[in-house]
Amino acid sequence: MTTIQATTSSVSSSSSSSSSGNDIASQISKLTQQISTLTKQLKSVAQGTGTTEEKQTQTEQLQAQIALLQAQLSQLQSKQAEEAQKKSEDK
């Protein structure tokens, strides 16, 4: 049985509008990398050894983590779009 290790970071919002654009972009980048890593682990589980039950459990855990990260990513992308719109309205 292989052990799956993945970390999910909570996304903190920044109230500083001057640096929050870059902060959001870096958070989006980190989340995207985490999703990519988990997706690779998901493929590895499917190709790895272990019982069907073990693979199913690991697959479900990875899918749940990916879904959580995708939700966080979606929130950040929405926030990024809002800030871009505010910037264009301020001009």
Protein backbone atom coordinates (compact mmCIF):
# COMPACT_ATOMS: atom_id res chain seq x y z
CA MET A 1 0.00 0.00 0.00
CA THR A 2 1.31 3.44 -0.82
CA THR A 3 0.87 6.35 1.51
CA ILE A 4 -0.58 9.52 0.06
CA GLN A 5 0.69 12.74 1.52
CA ALA A 6 -0.65 16.06 0.41
CA THR A 7 -0.98 19.36 2.05
CA THR A 8 -3.80 21.77 1.57
CA SER A 9 -3.21 25.31 2.53
CA SER A 10 -5.94 27.61 3.58
CA VAL A 11 -6.26 30.71 1.49
CA SER A 12 -5.99 33.93 3.38
CA SER A 13 -7.34 37.11 1.91
CA SER A 14 -5.29 40.26 1.93
CA SER A 15 -6.89 43.59 2.69
CA SER A 16 -4.08 45.53 1.08
CA SER A 17 -5.28 46.43 -2.38
CA SER A 18 -1.86 47.50 -3.65
CA SER A 19 -0.19 44.13 -3.18
CA SER A 20 -3.23 41.87 -3.16
CA GLY A 21 -3.15 41.43 -6.94
CA ASN A 22 0.27 39.83 -6.81
CA ASP A 23 -0.66 37.97 -3.63
CA ILE A 24 -3.73 36.51 -5.28
CA ALA A 25 -1.74 35.55 -8.35
CA SER A 26 0.85 33.75 -6.22
CA GLN A 27 -1.88 31.95 -4.28
CA ILE A 28 -3.52 30.90 -7.55
CA SER A 29 -0.16 29.60 -8.75
CA LYS A 30 0.39 27.61 -5.55
CA LEU A 31 -3.09 26.09 -5.70
CA THR A 32 -2.62 25.16 -9.35
CA GLN A 33 0.66 23.43 -8.49
CA GLN A 34 -0.97 21.56 -5.61
CA ILE A 35 -3.82 20.41 -7.87
CA SER A 36 -1.28 19.23 -10.43
CA THR A 37 0.65 17.28 -7.79
CA LEU A 38 -2.51 15.65 -6.45
CA THR A 39 -3.60 14.75 -9.99
CA LYS A 40 -0.27 13.02 -10.56
CA GLN A 41 -0.72 11.16 -7.28
CA LEU A 42 -4.20 10.14 -8.41
CA LYS A 43 -2.77 8.64 -11.60
CA SER A 44 -0.07 6.93 -9.56
CA VAL A 45 -2.68 5.30 -7.32
CA ALA A 46 -4.54 3.97 -10.33
CA GLN A 47 -1.36 2.42 -11.73
CA GLY A 48 0.07 1.32 -8.38
CA THR A 49 -0.20 -1.82 -6.38
CA GLY A 50 -2.68 -2.46 -3.65
CA THR A 51 -6.12 -3.87 -3.25
CA THR A 52 -9.08 -2.40 -5.05
CA GLU A 53 -10.41 -1.19 -1.71
CA GLU A 54 -7.14 0.59 -0.86
CA LYS A 55 -7.03 2.22 -4.26
CA GLN A 56 -10.66 3.30 -3.93
CA THR A 57 -10.03 4.88 -0.51
CA GLN A 58 -6.92 6.71 -1.72
CA THR A 59 -8.69 7.85 -4.86
CA GLU A 60 -11.60 9.25 -2.87
CA GLN A 61 -9.25 11.10 -0.51
CA LEU A 62 -7.30 12.63 -3.37
CA GLN A 63 -10.47 13.61 -5.22
CA ALA A 64 -11.79 15.32 -2.08
CA GLN A 65 -8.55 17.27 -1.68
CA ILE A 66 -8.59 18.26 -5.35
CA ALA A 67 -12.21 19.42 -5.06
CA LEU A 68 -11.33 21.55 -2.02
CA LEU A 69 -8.41 23.15 -3.81
CA GLN A 70 -10.52 23.77 -6.91
CA ALA A 71 -13.12 25.55 -4.77
CA GLN A 72 -10.40 27.74 -3.23
CA LEU A 73 -9.01 28.41 -6.70
CA SER A 74 -12.42 29.43 -7.97
CA GLN A 75 -12.85 31.88 -5.08
CA LEU A 76 -9.47 33.43 -5.75
CA GLN A 77 -10.14 33.75 -9.46
CA SER A 78 -13.42 35.51 -8.70
CA LYS A 79 -11.67 37.86 -6.30
CA GLN A 80 -8.97 38.53 -8.88
CA ALA A 81 -11.62 39.37 -11.49
CA GLU A 82 -13.39 41.70 -9.04
CA GLU A 83 -10.17 43.54 -8.29
CA ALA A 84 -9.35 43.85 -11.98
CA GLN A 85 -12.79 45.31 -12.59
CA LYS A 86 -12.38 47.77 -9.72
CA LYS A 87 -9.03 48.85 -11.14
CA SER A 88 -10.50 49.47 -14.57
CA GLU A 89 -13.40 51.42 -13.08
CA ASP A 90 -11.02 53.59 -11.05
CA LYS A 91 -9.18 54.70 -14.18
